[in-house]
Amino acid sequence: MSSWNPFKRKSSDDLGVTSIDPSEMSEPTDYESFMKRGWIHHARGNQDQAESDFRRALIYSPESMDAYYALGLVMKSMGNKDEAVKLFNKTMEMIKQGKIADQSQSEMMRRLTLGHINELTTGDWNLEDEIWHQSR
């Protein structure tokens, strides 16, 4: 996973994304920079630019679960459900392969990703069994 992680903070305001003008940033030349600029574009509602940056990040790091997840969010925002589900399924595959070492973070990402897939395919996050299951 990348060292710049948007999940470490509470909101995009905490990240300062709303105060950063992506046009004033230097042209990215690596994975981290494309991811950072992509998140800024996504937070500001510039989904076409976010898509471009996340796809370019994947060129630098084709096995980046973060980039697949981020691109899934962008496709979902753009209303491209089929592509979003495909990208979230790729994220789920990577989670199952153990791409996240920390078990708590892995479980959180699995639930978030599953919630997005469920919402896109059934209209409901439908995670009750995941969260409220009782030991039997």
Protein backbone atom coordinates (compact mmCIF):
# COMPACT_ATOMS: atom_id res chain seq x y z
CA MET A 1 0.00 0.00 0.00
CA SER A 2 1.11 3.54 -0.57
CA SER A 3 2.53 5.64 2.23
CA TRP A 4 0.09 8.48 1.48
CA ASN A 5 -3.14 7.03 2.76
CA PRO A 6 -6.38 9.03 2.64
CA PHE A 7 -7.91 6.78 5.31
CA LYS A 8 -5.53 8.06 8.01
CA ARG A 9 -7.47 11.30 8.42
CA LYS A 10 -11.09 12.05 9.23
CA SER A 11 -12.05 14.12 6.17
CA SER A 12 -10.81 15.69 2.97
CA ASP A 13 -10.73 19.02 4.84
CA ASP A 14 -8.21 17.54 7.28
CA LEU A 15 -6.05 16.63 4.29
CA GLY A 16 -6.20 20.18 3.02
CA VAL A 17 -7.51 18.95 -0.33
CA THR A 18 -10.09 21.64 -0.68
CA SER A 19 -7.40 24.31 -0.32
CA ILE A 20 -4.98 22.71 -2.81
CA ASP A 21 -5.33 23.74 -6.43
CA PRO A 22 -4.24 20.72 -8.53
CA SER A 23 -3.36 23.00 -11.43
CA GLU A 24 -0.66 24.55 -9.26
CA MET A 25 0.95 21.17 -8.56
CA SER A 26 3.91 20.09 -10.65
CA GLU A 27 3.17 17.36 -13.17
CA PRO A 28 3.36 14.01 -11.35
CA THR A 29 6.17 11.68 -12.28
CA ASP A 30 5.54 8.78 -9.89
CA TYR A 31 2.87 6.61 -8.33
CA GLU A 32 2.57 8.59 -5.09
CA SER A 33 2.15 11.92 -6.87
CA PHE A 34 -0.52 10.61 -9.25
CA MET A 35 -2.41 9.08 -6.32
CA LYS A 36 -2.26 12.29 -4.30
CA ARG A 37 -3.39 14.46 -7.20
CA GLY A 38 -6.10 11.91 -8.08
CA TRP A 39 -7.52 12.09 -4.54
CA ILE A 40 -7.50 15.87 -4.73
CA HIS A 41 -9.38 15.83 -8.03
CA HIS A 42 -11.85 13.27 -6.66
CA ALA A 43 -12.49 15.32 -3.51
CA ARG A 44 -13.10 18.43 -5.62
CA GLY A 45 -15.51 16.63 -7.95
CA ASN A 46 -13.18 16.54 -10.97
CA GLN A 47 -13.85 12.88 -11.74
CA ASP A 48 -12.41 12.86 -15.27
CA GLN A 49 -9.07 14.18 -14.00
CA ALA A 50 -9.17 11.81 -11.01
CA GLU A 51 -9.77 8.86 -13.33
CA SER A 52 -6.82 9.87 -15.48
CA ASP A 53 -4.50 10.22 -12.48
CA PHE A 54 -5.52 6.91 -10.89
CA ARG A 55 -5.11 5.09 -14.22
CA ARG A 56 -1.67 6.64 -14.61
CA ALA A 57 -0.80 5.58 -11.05
CA LEU A 58 -1.63 2.00 -12.10
CA ILE A 59 0.97 2.27 -14.87
CA TYR A 60 3.61 2.87 -12.20
CA SER A 61 2.19 0.28 -9.79
CA PRO A 62 -0.04 -2.24 -11.61
CA GLU A 63 -0.68 -4.19 -8.39
CA SER A 64 -1.82 -1.19 -6.34
CA MET A 65 -4.94 -2.10 -4.45
CA ASP A 66 -5.32 1.56 -3.43
CA ALA A 67 -5.41 2.68 -7.07
CA TYR A 68 -8.02 0.05 -8.00
CA TYR A 69 -10.19 1.04 -5.04
CA ALA A 70 -9.82 4.76 -5.80
CA LEU A 71 -10.66 4.18 -9.45
CA GLY A 72 -13.71 2.18 -8.37
CA LEU A 73 -14.90 5.15 -6.31
CA VAL A 74 -14.43 7.44 -9.30
CA MET A 75 -16.33 5.11 -11.63
CA LYS A 76 -19.12 4.89 -9.05
CA SER A 77 -19.22 8.71 -8.83
CA MET A 78 -19.43 8.90 -12.62
CA GLY A 79 -22.33 6.42 -12.73
CA ASN A 80 -20.31 3.69 -14.47
CA LYS A 81 -21.60 0.84 -12.29
CA ASP A 82 -20.23 -2.08 -14.31
CA GLU A 83 -16.69 -0.69 -14.36
CA ALA A 84 -16.90 0.24 -10.66
CA VAL A 85 -17.99 -3.30 -9.70
CA LYS A 86 -15.16 -4.74 -11.81
CA LEU A 87 -12.62 -2.51 -10.04
CA PHE A 88 -14.02 -3.23 -6.57
CA ASN A 89 -13.93 -6.98 -7.36
CA LYS A 90 -10.26 -6.59 -8.31
CA THR A 91 -9.73 -4.85 -4.96
CA MET A 92 -11.47 -7.75 -3.16
CA GLU A 93 -9.22 -10.26 -4.94
CA MET A 94 -6.15 -8.36 -3.75
CA ILE A 95 -7.47 -8.21 -0.19
CA LYS A 96 -8.05 -11.99 -0.25
CA GLN A 97 -4.47 -12.43 -1.50
CA GLY A 98 -3.25 -10.75 1.68
CA LYS A 99 -2.02 -7.48 0.14
CA ILE A 100 -2.76 -5.70 3.45
CA ALA A 101 -0.58 -6.95 6.29
CA ASP A 102 -2.54 -5.32 9.12
CA GLN A 103 -5.58 -7.51 9.86
CA SER A 104 -7.77 -4.64 11.12
CA GLN A 105 -7.06 -2.51 8.07
CA SER A 106 -7.62 -5.49 5.80
CA GLU A 107 -11.01 -6.19 7.38
CA MET A 108 -12.01 -2.51 7.15
CA MET A 109 -11.09 -2.36 3.45
CA ARG A 110 -12.88 -5.67 2.80
CA ARG A 111 -16.09 -4.35 4.36
CA LEU A 112 -15.89 -1.00 2.58
CA THR A 113 -15.25 -2.68 -0.76
CA LEU A 114 -18.02 -5.24 -0.21
CA GLY A 115 -20.40 -2.43 0.78
CA HIS A 116 -19.72 -0.60 -2.47
CA ILE A 117 -20.21 -3.78 -4.50
CA ASN A 118 -23.46 -4.52 -2.68
CA GLU A 119 -24.75 -0.98 -3.15
CA LEU A 120 -23.94 -1.00 -6.85
CA THR A 121 -25.49 -4.42 -7.47
CA THR A 122 -28.45 -4.44 -5.05
CA GLY A 123 -28.96 -0.82 -4.04
CA ASP A 124 -28.08 -1.52 -0.38
CA TRP A 125 -24.77 -1.81 1.49
CA ASN A 126 -26.24 -4.93 3.11
CA LEU A 127 -23.44 -5.45 5.65
CA GLU A 128 -25.63 -6.38 8.61
CA ASP A 129 -24.35 -9.97 8.68
CA GLU A 130 -20.78 -8.68 8.43
CA ILE A 131 -21.07 -6.25 11.30
CA TRP A 132 -23.78 -7.58 13.59
CA HIS A 133 -23.17 -11.31 13.32
CA GLN A 134 -23.56 -13.26 16.55
CA SER A 135 -21.39 -16.16 17.59
CA ARG A 136 -23.39 -19.36 17.42
